[in-house]
Amino acid sequence: MLKFVINSILLGVGLAMDAFSVSLANGLAEPDMRRRKSVGIAAAFGGFQAAMPLIGWVCVHTVASMFEWFQKLIPWIALLLLAYIGGEMLLEGIRGGDSDDEEETSGLDFRSLMIQGVATSIDALSVGFAIADYNLADAVLAAVIIAAVTFIICVIGLMLGKKAGTKLSGKAEILGGVILIGIGLEIFISNMF
């Protein structure tokens, strides 16, 4: 059991690195983010990181041949989604604007969070192959551990990003956008070669 928990924690850490980087970028872009929103973002990333391995597990046990075809698209999907969100952040940062109304509406919205969640966790579908020999209960337990690890790592990323974002003021959104685009490229390159 201890080996299972340690393996699940390590899987969680490995899978959470993209979500950590995106959390850091989100914190940079919105340094005055409320604690409740930070917890919601971290929970969303944790949820996606838990769901994707389970979906992969189900695919292995049902439609594995279709999943193998889809696996080739994963780097492309992650790149497109993160480039889209990062590009939006980058453009908003370049356009600037110091009006109070714009500041109140800036930040991560639900749609963008969902896109980020999918983009940072889609590669976790392949973890379904790694846990294919688990029974359903063990697969769910592994997913819960992965979610908890991701949650903690993302909270840390958001806190660090918010601290740095406060110091960078107006340039933080530009940096956040560049980071998201960079993460998309990193996922694409590392999965293609």
N, C-alpha and C. Protein backbone atom coordinates (compact mmCIF):
# COMPACT_ATOMS: atom_id res chain seq x y z
N MET A 1 0.82 -1.20 0.00
CA MET A 1 0.00 0.00 0.00
C MET A 1 0.86 1.26 0.00
N LEU A 2 1.96 1.24 0.76
CA LEU A 2 2.84 2.40 0.82
C LEU A 2 3.44 2.69 -0.56
N LYS A 3 3.85 1.63 -1.26
CA LYS A 3 4.40 1.79 -2.60
C LYS A 3 3.36 2.41 -3.55
N PHE A 4 2.12 1.96 -3.43
CA PHE A 4 1.02 2.49 -4.24
C PHE A 4 0.83 3.99 -3.99
N VAL A 5 0.82 4.39 -2.72
CA VAL A 5 0.64 5.80 -2.37
C VAL A 5 1.81 6.64 -2.87
N ILE A 6 3.02 6.15 -2.68
CA ILE A 6 4.21 6.89 -3.14
C ILE A 6 4.18 7.03 -4.65
N ASN A 7 3.86 5.95 -5.36
CA ASN A 7 3.77 6.01 -6.83
C ASN A 7 2.70 7.01 -7.26
N SER A 8 1.57 7.03 -6.57
CA SER A 8 0.49 7.96 -6.92
C SER A 8 0.90 9.41 -6.66
N ILE A 9 1.61 9.63 -5.56
CA ILE A 9 2.10 10.98 -5.26
C ILE A 9 3.08 11.43 -6.34
N LEU A 10 3.99 10.55 -6.71
CA LEU A 10 4.97 10.89 -7.75
C LEU A 10 4.29 11.14 -9.09
N LEU A 11 3.28 10.34 -9.41
CA LEU A 11 2.50 10.59 -10.63
C LEU A 11 1.85 11.97 -10.54
N GLY A 12 1.29 12.29 -9.38
CA GLY A 12 0.66 13.59 -9.18
C GLY A 12 1.62 14.74 -9.37
N VAL A 13 2.81 14.60 -8.81
CA VAL A 13 3.82 15.66 -8.96
C VAL A 13 4.19 15.83 -10.43
N GLY A 14 4.43 14.72 -11.10
CA GLY A 14 4.80 14.80 -12.52
C GLY A 14 3.70 15.42 -13.36
N LEU A 15 2.47 15.03 -13.10
CA LEU A 15 1.35 15.56 -13.89
C LEU A 15 1.05 17.01 -13.55
N ALA A 16 1.35 17.43 -12.34
CA ALA A 16 0.97 18.77 -11.89
C ALA A 16 1.91 19.87 -12.37
N MET A 17 3.02 19.53 -12.97
CA MET A 17 3.99 20.57 -13.33
C MET A 17 3.44 21.57 -14.35
N ASP A 18 2.70 21.10 -15.34
CA ASP A 18 2.09 22.04 -16.29
C ASP A 18 1.05 22.91 -15.59
N ALA A 19 0.24 22.30 -14.73
CA ALA A 19 -0.77 23.05 -13.99
C ALA A 19 -0.11 24.06 -13.04
N PHE A 20 1.04 23.68 -12.46
CA PHE A 20 1.79 24.61 -11.61
C PHE A 20 2.22 25.84 -12.40
N SER A 21 2.77 25.60 -13.57
CA SER A 21 3.25 26.70 -14.41
C SER A 21 2.10 27.61 -14.83
N VAL A 22 0.96 27.01 -15.18
CA VAL A 22 -0.20 27.81 -15.58
C VAL A 22 -0.74 28.57 -14.36
N SER A 23 -0.72 27.94 -13.19
CA SER A 23 -1.14 28.63 -11.97
C SER A 23 -0.24 29.82 -11.68
N LEU A 24 1.04 29.63 -11.87
CA LEU A 24 2.00 30.72 -11.69
C LEU A 24 1.66 31.87 -12.64
N ALA A 25 1.37 31.54 -13.89
CA ALA A 25 1.01 32.57 -14.87
C ALA A 25 -0.30 33.26 -14.48
N ASN A 26 -1.26 32.50 -13.98
CA ASN A 26 -2.53 33.09 -13.55
C ASN A 26 -2.32 34.03 -12.37
N GLY A 27 -1.47 33.63 -11.44
CA GLY A 27 -1.16 34.50 -10.31
C GLY A 27 -0.45 35.77 -10.75
N LEU A 28 0.44 35.63 -11.72
CA LEU A 28 1.13 36.80 -12.28
C LEU A 28 0.14 37.77 -12.91
N ALA A 29 -0.79 37.22 -13.66
CA ALA A 29 -1.74 38.05 -14.39
C ALA A 29 -2.77 38.70 -13.48
N GLU A 30 -3.01 38.11 -12.32
CA GLU A 30 -4.04 38.65 -11.41
C GLU A 30 -3.50 38.64 -9.97
N PRO A 31 -2.56 39.55 -9.66
CA PRO A 31 -1.93 39.52 -8.35
C PRO A 31 -2.87 39.83 -7.18
N ASP A 32 -4.03 40.44 -7.45
CA ASP A 32 -4.96 40.74 -6.38
C ASP A 32 -6.09 39.70 -6.29
N MET A 33 -5.84 38.52 -6.82
CA MET A 33 -6.82 37.43 -6.82
C MET A 33 -7.21 37.08 -5.38
N ARG A 34 -8.49 36.90 -5.18
CA ARG A 34 -8.98 36.52 -3.85
C ARG A 34 -8.66 35.05 -3.55
N ARG A 35 -8.56 34.75 -2.27
CA ARG A 35 -8.22 33.39 -1.83
C ARG A 35 -9.24 32.38 -2.35
N ARG A 36 -10.52 32.74 -2.32
CA ARG A 36 -11.57 31.82 -2.77
C ARG A 36 -11.37 31.45 -4.25
N LYS A 37 -11.01 32.42 -5.07
CA LYS A 37 -10.77 32.15 -6.49
C LYS A 37 -9.53 31.28 -6.66
N SER A 38 -8.49 31.54 -5.87
CA SER A 38 -7.27 30.72 -5.93
C SER A 38 -7.58 29.27 -5.60
N VAL A 39 -8.38 29.05 -4.57
CA VAL A 39 -8.75 27.70 -4.18
C VAL A 39 -9.57 27.04 -5.29
N GLY A 40 -10.48 27.81 -5.90
CA GLY A 40 -11.29 27.28 -6.99
C GLY A 40 -10.45 26.88 -8.20
N ILE A 41 -9.46 27.70 -8.53
CA ILE A 41 -8.57 27.39 -9.65
C ILE A 41 -7.78 26.12 -9.36
N ALA A 42 -7.19 26.05 -8.17
CA ALA A 42 -6.41 24.86 -7.80
C ALA A 42 -7.30 23.61 -7.79
N ALA A 43 -8.53 23.76 -7.30
CA ALA A 43 -9.45 22.62 -7.28
C ALA A 43 -9.82 22.19 -8.69
N ALA A 44 -10.01 23.15 -9.59
CA ALA A 44 -10.34 22.81 -10.97
C ALA A 44 -9.19 22.03 -11.62
N PHE A 45 -7.96 22.51 -11.43
CA PHE A 45 -6.82 21.78 -11.99
C PHE A 45 -6.71 20.39 -11.38
N GLY A 46 -6.91 20.29 -10.06
CA GLY A 46 -6.89 18.99 -9.41
C GLY A 46 -7.96 18.07 -9.96
N GLY A 47 -9.15 18.61 -10.19
CA GLY A 47 -10.24 17.82 -10.75
C GLY A 47 -9.93 17.29 -12.14
N PHE A 48 -9.38 18.16 -12.97
CA PHE A 48 -9.01 17.72 -14.32
C PHE A 48 -7.91 16.66 -14.26
N GLN A 49 -6.92 16.87 -13.38
CA GLN A 49 -5.82 15.91 -13.29
C GLN A 49 -6.30 14.57 -12.74
N ALA A 50 -7.38 14.57 -11.96
CA ALA A 50 -7.95 13.30 -11.48
C ALA A 50 -8.81 12.64 -12.55
N ALA A 51 -9.57 13.44 -13.27
CA ALA A 51 -10.51 12.90 -14.25
C ALA A 51 -9.79 12.27 -15.44
N MET A 52 -8.74 12.92 -15.92
CA MET A 52 -8.10 12.42 -17.15
C MET A 52 -7.51 11.02 -17.01
N PRO A 53 -6.77 10.70 -15.92
CA PRO A 53 -6.30 9.32 -15.81
C PRO A 53 -7.44 8.31 -15.73
N LEU A 54 -8.53 8.70 -15.06
CA LEU A 54 -9.68 7.79 -14.98
C LEU A 54 -10.32 7.59 -16.35
N ILE A 55 -10.41 8.66 -17.12
CA ILE A 55 -10.93 8.53 -18.49
C ILE A 55 -10.00 7.63 -19.30
N GLY A 56 -8.69 7.82 -19.13
CA GLY A 56 -7.72 6.96 -19.80
C GLY A 56 -7.85 5.51 -19.37
N TRP A 57 -8.08 5.28 -18.08
CA TRP A 57 -8.27 3.93 -17.56
C TRP A 57 -9.49 3.28 -18.20
N VAL A 58 -10.58 4.04 -18.28
CA VAL A 58 -11.80 3.53 -18.91
C VAL A 58 -11.53 3.23 -20.38
N CYS A 59 -10.81 4.11 -21.05
CA CYS A 59 -10.50 3.88 -22.47
C CYS A 59 -9.69 2.60 -22.67
N VAL A 60 -8.72 2.37 -21.79
CA VAL A 60 -7.92 1.16 -21.90
C VAL A 60 -8.79 -0.08 -21.76
N HIS A 61 -9.77 0.01 -20.88
CA HIS A 61 -10.63 -1.15 -20.63
C HIS A 61 -11.81 -1.25 -21.59
N THR A 62 -11.97 -0.28 -22.48
CA THR A 62 -13.11 -0.33 -23.40
C THR A 62 -12.69 -0.07 -24.85
N VAL A 63 -12.22 1.10 -25.14
CA VAL A 63 -11.98 1.50 -26.53
C VAL A 63 -10.50 1.85 -26.76
N ALA A 64 -9.60 0.98 -26.35
CA ALA A 64 -8.17 1.27 -26.40
C ALA A 64 -7.69 1.61 -27.81
N SER A 65 -8.22 0.97 -28.82
CA SER A 65 -7.73 1.25 -30.18
C SER A 65 -8.07 2.68 -30.60
N MET A 66 -9.24 3.18 -30.21
CA MET A 66 -9.59 4.57 -30.52
C MET A 66 -8.69 5.53 -29.75
N PHE A 67 -8.35 5.18 -28.52
CA PHE A 67 -7.52 6.04 -27.69
C PHE A 67 -6.11 6.19 -28.27
N GLU A 68 -5.57 5.10 -28.83
CA GLU A 68 -4.24 5.16 -29.42
C GLU A 68 -4.21 6.18 -30.56
N TRP A 69 -5.25 6.24 -31.37
CA TRP A 69 -5.34 7.22 -32.44
C TRP A 69 -5.42 8.63 -31.87
N PHE A 70 -6.22 8.80 -30.82
CA PHE A 70 -6.41 10.12 -30.21
C PHE A 70 -5.14 10.62 -29.54
N GLN A 71 -4.32 9.71 -29.04
CA GLN A 71 -3.11 10.09 -28.33
C GLN A 71 -2.18 10.93 -29.21
N LYS A 72 -2.21 10.71 -30.51
CA LYS A 72 -1.37 11.50 -31.42
C LYS A 72 -1.81 12.96 -31.49
N LEU A 73 -3.07 13.23 -31.17
CA LEU A 73 -3.60 14.59 -31.20
C LEU A 73 -3.34 15.39 -29.92
N ILE A 74 -3.01 14.70 -28.84
CA ILE A 74 -2.87 15.36 -27.54
C ILE A 74 -1.91 16.55 -27.56
N PRO A 75 -0.70 16.42 -28.09
CA PRO A 75 0.21 17.58 -28.10
C PRO A 75 -0.35 18.76 -28.90
N TRP A 76 -1.04 18.46 -30.00
CA TRP A 76 -1.62 19.52 -30.82
C TRP A 76 -2.73 20.25 -30.07
N ILE A 77 -3.57 19.49 -29.40
CA ILE A 77 -4.67 20.10 -28.65
C ILE A 77 -4.14 20.98 -27.53
N ALA A 78 -3.18 20.48 -26.78
CA ALA A 78 -2.60 21.28 -25.68
C ALA A 78 -1.96 22.55 -26.22
N LEU A 79 -1.21 22.44 -27.31
CA LEU A 79 -0.57 23.61 -27.90
C LEU A 79 -1.60 24.64 -28.32
N LEU A 80 -2.63 24.22 -29.03
CA LEU A 80 -3.64 25.16 -29.52
C LEU A 80 -4.39 25.83 -28.37
N LEU A 81 -4.79 25.06 -27.37
CA LEU A 81 -5.54 25.64 -26.25
C LEU A 81 -4.69 26.64 -25.46
N LEU A 82 -3.46 26.26 -25.12
CA LEU A 82 -2.62 27.16 -24.33
C LEU A 82 -2.16 28.36 -25.15
N ALA A 83 -1.92 28.17 -26.43
CA ALA A 83 -1.54 29.31 -27.28
C ALA A 83 -2.71 30.30 -27.39
N TYR A 84 -3.91 29.78 -27.47
CA TYR A 84 -5.09 30.64 -27.54
C TYR A 84 -5.25 31.47 -26.27
N ILE A 85 -5.23 30.83 -25.11
CA ILE A 85 -5.39 31.55 -23.84
C ILE A 85 -4.19 32.46 -23.60
N GLY A 86 -2.99 31.97 -23.85
CA GLY A 86 -1.79 32.79 -23.68
C GLY A 86 -1.78 33.98 -24.61
N GLY A 87 -2.23 33.77 -25.85
CA GLY A 87 -2.32 34.88 -26.80
C GLY A 87 -3.30 35.94 -26.35
N GLU A 88 -4.44 35.50 -25.80
CA GLU A 88 -5.41 36.47 -25.27
C GLU A 88 -4.80 37.29 -24.13
N MET A 89 -4.11 36.60 -23.21
CA MET A 89 -3.48 37.31 -22.09
C MET A 89 -2.42 38.28 -22.60
N LEU A 90 -1.63 37.84 -23.55
CA LEU A 90 -0.57 38.66 -24.12
C LEU A 90 -1.14 39.91 -24.77
N LEU A 91 -2.18 39.76 -25.57
CA LEU A 91 -2.81 40.90 -26.22
C LEU A 91 -3.41 41.87 -25.21
N GLU A 92 -4.07 41.34 -24.18
CA GLU A 92 -4.63 42.21 -23.15
C GLU A 92 -3.53 42.98 -22.43
N GLY A 93 -2.41 42.32 -22.16
CA GLY A 93 -1.30 42.98 -21.49
C GLY A 93 -0.66 44.05 -22.36
N ILE A 94 -0.56 43.79 -23.66
CA ILE A 94 0.04 44.77 -24.58
C ILE A 94 -0.89 45.96 -24.76
N ARG A 95 -2.19 45.68 -24.89
CA ARG A 95 -3.15 46.78 -25.04
C ARG A 95 -3.18 47.67 -23.81
N GLY A 96 -2.92 47.06 -22.67
CA GLY A 96 -2.88 47.82 -21.41
C GLY A 96 -4.23 48.37 -21.05
N GLY A 97 -4.21 49.59 -20.58
CA GLY A 97 -5.45 50.22 -20.13
C GLY A 97 -5.51 50.23 -18.63
N ASP A 98 -5.65 51.41 -18.07
CA ASP A 98 -5.63 51.55 -16.63
C ASP A 98 -6.98 51.92 -16.05
N SER A 99 -8.06 51.76 -16.79
CA SER A 99 -9.36 52.14 -16.26
C SER A 99 -9.78 51.17 -15.17
N ASP A 100 -10.51 51.68 -14.19
CA ASP A 100 -10.96 50.85 -13.08
C ASP A 100 -11.91 49.75 -13.54
N ASP A 101 -12.77 50.05 -14.54
CA ASP A 101 -13.72 49.05 -15.04
C ASP A 101 -12.99 47.86 -15.63
N GLU A 102 -11.93 48.13 -16.35
CA GLU A 102 -11.20 47.03 -16.99
C GLU A 102 -10.50 46.17 -15.94
N GLU A 103 -10.00 46.81 -14.88
CA GLU A 103 -9.33 46.05 -13.84
C GLU A 103 -10.29 45.12 -13.13
N GLU A 104 -11.53 45.56 -12.93
CA GLU A 104 -12.51 44.74 -12.23
C GLU A 104 -12.89 43.51 -13.04
N THR A 105 -12.89 43.62 -14.36
CA THR A 105 -13.30 42.48 -15.18
C THR A 105 -12.11 41.65 -15.65
N SER A 106 -10.89 42.11 -15.39
CA SER A 106 -9.74 41.34 -15.85
C SER A 106 -9.57 40.11 -14.97
N GLY A 107 -8.77 39.20 -15.44
CA GLY A 107 -8.51 37.99 -14.69
C GLY A 107 -9.08 36.78 -15.41
N LEU A 108 -8.89 35.68 -14.78
CA LEU A 108 -9.27 34.40 -15.35
C LEU A 108 -10.77 34.18 -15.23
N ASP A 109 -11.42 33.94 -16.35
CA ASP A 109 -12.85 33.64 -16.30
C ASP A 109 -13.05 32.12 -16.38
N PHE A 110 -14.28 31.68 -16.21
CA PHE A 110 -14.60 30.25 -16.15
C PHE A 110 -14.21 29.53 -17.44
N ARG A 111 -14.53 30.12 -18.58
CA ARG A 111 -14.22 29.50 -19.88
C ARG A 111 -12.71 29.29 -20.02
N SER A 112 -11.95 30.32 -19.69
CA SER A 112 -10.49 30.21 -19.79
C SER A 112 -9.94 29.16 -18.83
N LEU A 113 -10.51 29.10 -17.63
CA LEU A 113 -10.08 28.09 -16.66
C LEU A 113 -10.34 26.68 -17.18
N MET A 114 -11.48 26.47 -17.80
CA MET A 114 -11.80 25.15 -18.34
C MET A 114 -10.84 24.78 -19.47
N ILE A 115 -10.53 25.74 -20.33
CA ILE A 115 -9.58 25.48 -21.42
C ILE A 115 -8.21 25.16 -20.84
N GLN A 116 -7.78 25.93 -19.85
CA GLN A 116 -6.49 25.66 -19.21
C GLN A 116 -6.48 24.28 -18.55
N GLY A 117 -7.58 23.94 -17.90
CA GLY A 117 -7.68 22.64 -17.23
C GLY A 117 -7.53 21.49 -18.20
N VAL A 118 -8.21 21.59 -19.33
CA VAL A 118 -8.11 20.54 -20.35
C VAL A 118 -6.69 20.51 -20.93
N ALA A 119 -6.17 21.68 -21.27
CA ALA A 119 -4.86 21.75 -21.91
C ALA A 119 -3.75 21.20 -21.03
N THR A 120 -3.81 21.47 -19.72
CA THR A 120 -2.74 21.02 -18.84
C THR A 120 -2.91 19.58 -18.38
N SER A 121 -4.09 19.02 -18.58
CA SER A 121 -4.31 17.66 -18.08
C SER A 121 -4.53 16.63 -19.17
N ILE A 122 -4.63 17.06 -20.40
CA ILE A 122 -4.97 16.11 -21.47
C ILE A 122 -3.90 15.03 -21.62
N ASP A 123 -2.64 15.38 -21.34
CA ASP A 123 -1.59 14.36 -21.42
C ASP A 123 -1.74 13.32 -20.32
N ALA A 124 -2.50 13.63 -19.27
CA ALA A 124 -2.74 12.67 -18.19
C ALA A 124 -3.64 11.52 -18.64
N LEU A 125 -4.28 11.66 -19.81
CA LEU A 125 -5.05 10.53 -20.34
C LEU A 125 -4.17 9.29 -20.48
N SER A 126 -2.92 9.51 -20.87
CA SER A 126 -2.02 8.38 -21.08
C SER A 126 -1.67 7.68 -19.77
N VAL A 127 -1.88 8.35 -18.64
CA VAL A 127 -1.65 7.70 -17.35
C VAL A 127 -2.63 6.54 -17.18
N GLY A 128 -3.76 6.59 -17.88
CA GLY A 128 -4.69 5.47 -17.86
C GLY A 128 -4.03 4.18 -18.28
N PHE A 129 -3.05 4.25 -19.18
CA PHE A 129 -2.30 3.06 -19.56
C PHE A 129 -1.41 2.59 -18.42
N ALA A 130 -0.81 3.56 -17.70
CA ALA A 130 0.08 3.21 -16.60
C ALA A 130 -0.67 2.55 -15.45
N ILE A 131 -1.93 2.93 -15.27
CA ILE A 131 -2.71 2.36 -14.16
C ILE A 131 -3.73 1.34 -14.66
N ALA A 132 -3.56 0.86 -15.87
CA ALA A 132 -4.52 -0.07 -16.48
C ALA A 132 -4.67 -1.36 -15.70
N ASP A 133 -3.62 -1.78 -15.01
CA ASP A 133 -3.72 -3.03 -14.25
C ASP A 133 -4.35 -2.83 -12.87
N TYR A 134 -4.66 -1.60 -12.50
CA TYR A 134 -5.35 -1.34 -11.24
C TYR A 134 -6.81 -1.74 -11.37
N ASN A 135 -7.41 -2.16 -10.26
CA ASN A 135 -8.86 -2.32 -10.27
C ASN A 135 -9.48 -0.93 -10.16
N LEU A 136 -10.79 -0.84 -10.32
CA LEU A 136 -11.45 0.46 -10.33
C LEU A 136 -11.22 1.24 -9.04
N ALA A 137 -11.30 0.58 -7.90
CA ALA A 137 -11.11 1.27 -6.61
C ALA A 137 -9.71 1.87 -6.51
N ASP A 138 -8.70 1.10 -6.92
CA ASP A 138 -7.33 1.61 -6.87
C ASP A 138 -7.12 2.76 -7.86
N ALA A 139 -7.74 2.65 -9.03
CA ALA A 139 -7.63 3.73 -10.02
C ALA A 139 -8.25 5.02 -9.48
N VAL A 140 -9.40 4.90 -8.81
CA VAL A 140 -10.05 6.08 -8.22
C VAL A 140 -9.19 6.64 -7.09
N LEU A 141 -8.64 5.78 -6.24
CA LEU A 141 -7.77 6.25 -5.16
C LEU A 141 -6.54 6.96 -5.72
N ALA A 142 -5.94 6.40 -6.76
CA ALA A 142 -4.78 7.05 -7.39
C ALA A 142 -5.18 8.42 -7.93
N ALA A 143 -6.35 8.51 -8.54
CA ALA A 143 -6.83 9.78 -9.08
C ALA A 143 -7.06 10.81 -7.97
N VAL A 144 -7.58 10.37 -6.83
CA VAL A 144 -7.79 11.28 -5.70
C VAL A 144 -6.45 11.80 -5.17
N ILE A 145 -5.47 10.92 -5.07
CA ILE A 145 -4.14 11.34 -4.62
C ILE A 145 -3.53 12.33 -5.62
N ILE A 146 -3.66 12.04 -6.90
CA ILE A 146 -3.16 12.94 -7.94
C ILE A 146 -3.84 14.30 -7.83
N ALA A 147 -5.14 14.31 -7.59
CA ALA A 147 -5.89 15.57 -7.44
C ALA A 147 -5.39 16.37 -6.24
N ALA A 148 -5.17 15.69 -5.11
CA ALA A 148 -4.70 16.37 -3.91
C ALA A 148 -3.31 16.99 -4.12
N VAL A 149 -2.43 16.22 -4.74
CA VAL A 149 -1.08 16.72 -5.01
C VAL A 149 -1.15 17.92 -5.96
N THR A 150 -1.95 17.81 -7.00
CA THR A 150 -2.10 18.90 -7.96
C THR A 150 -2.65 20.14 -7.28
N PHE A 151 -3.66 19.96 -6.42
CA PHE A 151 -4.25 21.08 -5.69
C PHE A 151 -3.18 21.82 -4.89
N ILE A 152 -2.40 21.10 -4.13
CA ILE A 152 -1.37 21.73 -3.29
C ILE A 152 -0.34 22.45 -4.15
N ILE A 153 0.11 21.81 -5.20
CA ILE A 153 1.13 22.41 -6.08
C ILE A 153 0.57 23.65 -6.77
N CYS A 154 -0.68 23.63 -7.18
CA CYS A 154 -1.28 24.79 -7.85
C CYS A 154 -1.49 25.96 -6.89
N VAL A 155 -1.86 25.66 -5.65
CA VAL A 155 -1.99 26.74 -4.65
C VAL A 155 -0.63 27.43 -4.48
N ILE A 156 0.43 26.64 -4.41
CA ILE A 156 1.77 27.21 -4.29
C ILE A 156 2.10 28.06 -5.52
N GLY A 157 1.79 27.55 -6.71
CA GLY A 157 2.04 28.29 -7.94
C GLY A 157 1.29 29.61 -7.97
N LEU A 158 0.03 29.58 -7.57
CA LEU A 158 -0.78 30.81 -7.54
C LEU A 158 -0.21 31.82 -6.55
N MET A 159 0.19 31.34 -5.37
CA MET A 159 0.76 32.25 -4.36
C MET A 159 2.05 32.90 -4.87
N LEU A 160 2.91 32.08 -5.45
CA LEU A 160 4.17 32.63 -5.98
C LEU A 160 3.91 33.61 -7.11
N GLY A 161 2.98 33.27 -8.00
CA GLY A 161 2.64 34.15 -9.11
C GLY A 161 2.06 35.47 -8.63
N LYS A 162 1.20 35.42 -7.62
CA LYS A 162 0.59 36.64 -7.10
C LYS A 162 1.65 37.55 -6.48
N LYS A 163 2.59 36.96 -5.76
CA LYS A 163 3.67 37.78 -5.16
C LYS A 163 4.52 38.44 -6.25
N ALA A 164 4.89 37.66 -7.25
CA ALA A 164 5.70 38.21 -8.34
C ALA A 164 4.88 39.19 -9.18
N GLY A 165 3.59 38.89 -9.37
CA GLY A 165 2.71 39.75 -10.16
C GLY A 165 2.55 41.12 -9.54
N THR A 166 2.51 41.18 -8.22
CA THR A 166 2.41 42.46 -7.54
C THR A 166 3.65 43.30 -7.83
N LYS A 167 4.80 42.67 -7.87
CA LYS A 167 6.05 43.39 -8.12
C LYS A 167 6.19 43.80 -9.58
N LEU A 168 5.61 43.02 -10.50
CA LEU A 168 5.74 43.31 -11.92
C LEU A 168 4.66 44.26 -12.42
N SER A 169 3.64 44.47 -11.65
CA SER A 169 2.47 45.32 -11.95
C SER A 169 1.97 45.09 -13.37
N GLY A 170 2.01 46.09 -14.25
CA GLY A 170 1.38 46.04 -15.57
C GLY A 170 1.96 45.02 -16.53
N LYS A 171 3.18 44.59 -16.34
CA LYS A 171 3.82 43.65 -17.27
C LYS A 171 3.52 42.20 -16.93
N ALA A 172 2.85 41.95 -15.81
CA ALA A 172 2.61 40.58 -15.37
C ALA A 172 1.73 39.81 -16.34
N GLU A 173 0.71 40.46 -16.91
CA GLU A 173 -0.19 39.76 -17.83
C GLU A 173 0.55 39.36 -19.10
N ILE A 174 1.47 40.20 -19.56
CA ILE A 174 2.28 39.86 -20.73
C ILE A 174 3.14 38.64 -20.42
N LEU A 175 3.80 38.67 -19.26
CA LEU A 175 4.64 37.54 -18.87
C LEU A 175 3.80 36.27 -18.72
N GLY A 176 2.62 36.38 -18.12
CA GLY A 176 1.74 35.22 -17.98
C GLY A 176 1.35 34.63 -19.32
N GLY A 177 1.02 35.48 -20.30
CA GLY A 177 0.68 35.01 -21.63
C GLY A 177 1.84 34.30 -22.31
N VAL A 178 3.04 34.87 -22.17
CA VAL A 178 4.24 34.26 -22.76
C VAL A 178 4.49 32.90 -22.11
N ILE A 179 4.30 32.82 -20.79
CA ILE A 179 4.50 31.54 -20.09
C ILE A 179 3.52 30.49 -20.59
N LEU A 180 2.25 30.85 -20.76
CA LEU A 180 1.27 29.88 -21.25
C LEU A 180 1.60 29.39 -22.64
N ILE A 181 2.00 30.30 -23.52
CA ILE A 181 2.40 29.90 -24.87
C ILE A 181 3.62 28.99 -24.80
N GLY A 182 4.57 29.33 -23.94
CA GLY A 182 5.76 28.50 -23.76
C GLY A 182 5.43 27.11 -23.26
N ILE A 183 4.50 27.01 -22.33
CA ILE A 183 4.08 25.69 -21.81
C ILE A 183 3.44 24.88 -22.94
N GLY A 184 2.60 25.52 -23.74
CA GLY A 184 2.01 24.82 -24.87
C GLY A 184 3.06 24.28 -25.82
N LEU A 185 4.06 25.10 -26.10
CA LEU A 185 5.16 24.65 -26.98
C LEU A 185 5.94 23.51 -26.34
N GLU A 186 6.18 23.61 -25.03
CA GLU A 186 6.94 22.57 -24.33
C GLU A 186 6.19 21.24 -24.37
N ILE A 187 4.89 21.27 -24.12
CA ILE A 187 4.08 20.05 -24.18
C ILE A 187 4.12 19.47 -25.59
N PHE A 188 3.97 20.33 -26.58
CA PHE A 188 3.98 19.89 -27.97
C PHE A 188 5.32 19.25 -28.34
N ILE A 189 6.40 19.95 -28.06
CA ILE A 189 7.73 19.47 -28.44
C ILE A 189 8.09 18.19 -27.70
N SER A 190 7.83 18.14 -26.38
CA SER A 190 8.22 16.96 -25.62
C SER A 190 7.40 15.72 -26.00
N ASN A 191 6.16 15.92 -26.48
CA ASN A 191 5.35 14.77 -26.88
C ASN A 191 5.56 14.37 -28.34
N MET A 192 6.08 15.28 -29.14
CA MET A 192 6.27 14.96 -30.56
C MET A 192 7.62 14.30 -30.82
N PHE A 193 8.60 14.55 -29.94
CA PHE A 193 9.95 14.02 -30.22
C PHE A 193 10.39 13.09 -29.13
